[in-house]
Protein backbone atom coordinates (compact mmCIF):
# COMPACT_ATOMS: atom_id res chain seq x y z
CA MET A 1 58.03 1.00 34.60
CA ILE A 2 55.50 3.18 36.34
CA MET A 3 52.10 1.64 37.00
CA ASN A 4 49.38 3.56 35.26
CA ILE A 5 46.18 4.41 37.06
CA ASP A 6 44.38 2.88 34.07
CA VAL A 7 45.02 -0.61 35.42
CA ILE A 8 43.26 0.25 38.68
CA PHE A 9 40.31 1.69 36.77
CA LYS A 10 40.12 -1.41 34.55
CA ILE A 11 40.05 -3.71 37.58
CA ALA A 12 37.43 -1.53 39.29
CA GLY A 13 35.34 -1.44 36.11
CA ILE A 14 35.46 -5.20 35.77
CA GLY A 15 34.43 -5.52 39.41
CA ILE A 16 31.46 -3.20 38.96
CA VAL A 17 30.27 -4.95 35.79
CA ILE A 18 30.62 -8.39 37.37
CA THR A 19 28.74 -7.25 40.48
CA VAL A 20 25.84 -5.85 38.44
CA LEU A 21 25.64 -8.98 36.27
CA ASN A 22 25.81 -11.15 39.37
CA GLN A 23 22.92 -9.33 41.04
CA VAL A 24 20.79 -9.38 37.88
CA LEU A 25 21.32 -13.10 37.41
CA ILE A 26 20.59 -13.87 41.07
CA LYS A 27 17.34 -11.87 40.91
CA ALA A 28 16.40 -13.80 37.76
CA GLY A 29 16.93 -17.08 39.61
CA ARG A 30 20.02 -18.09 37.69
CA ASP A 31 22.39 -18.70 40.57
CA GLU A 32 24.67 -21.07 38.65
CA GLN A 33 25.29 -18.54 35.88
CA ALA A 34 25.89 -15.82 38.47
CA THR A 35 28.54 -17.96 40.13
CA PHE A 36 30.13 -18.71 36.76
CA ILE A 37 30.24 -15.00 35.83
CA THR A 38 31.85 -14.21 39.18
CA LEU A 39 34.50 -16.88 38.64
CA VAL A 40 35.22 -15.58 35.14
CA GLY A 41 35.67 -12.06 36.55
CA VAL A 42 38.07 -13.32 39.20
CA VAL A 43 40.11 -15.22 36.59
CA VAL A 44 40.31 -12.16 34.32
CA VAL A 45 41.47 -9.90 37.15
CA LEU A 46 43.97 -12.48 38.42
CA THR A 47 45.39 -12.79 34.90
CA MET A 48 45.89 -9.02 34.79
CA VAL A 49 47.57 -9.05 38.20
CA VAL A 50 49.85 -11.97 37.28
CA ASN A 51 50.99 -10.08 34.16
CA LEU A 52 51.77 -7.01 36.27
CA VAL A 53 53.73 -9.05 38.82
CA THR A 54 55.65 -10.75 36.01
CA ASN A 55 56.58 -7.34 34.60
CA LEU A 56 57.65 -6.22 38.08
CA PHE A 57 59.94 -9.22 38.53
CA ASP A 58 61.43 -8.71 35.07
CA THR A 59 62.13 -5.08 35.93
CA VAL A 60 63.75 -6.03 39.23
CA LYS A 61 65.90 -8.67 37.51
CA THR A 62 67.00 -6.12 34.91
CA MET A 63 67.66 -3.42 37.49
CA PHE A 64 69.84 -5.60 39.70
CA GLN A 65 71.30 -7.55 36.78
CA LEU A 66 70.19 -10.90 38.11
CA TYR A 67 70.64 -14.04 35.98
C-alpha cells in the first residue's frame, strides 16, 4: 500500500479549518467552544492516523507472514 498525498492534504486542511474556527471563536469571547473545537480536530486527525498505522501493521504482518 502506497500512502497517497491526499491524506496529508486532508490532515492539513483539517488543521487550517480548526485554526480559523479557533481564532474566530476566541475573538468572539467563546474560549470554551474554541477549546472544544480544537479537541475535536485533534481526535479526528488521531483517528485518521490510527487507521493508517493499523493498515501499515496489517501490511507488515501480511508481507512477513506473521501470525
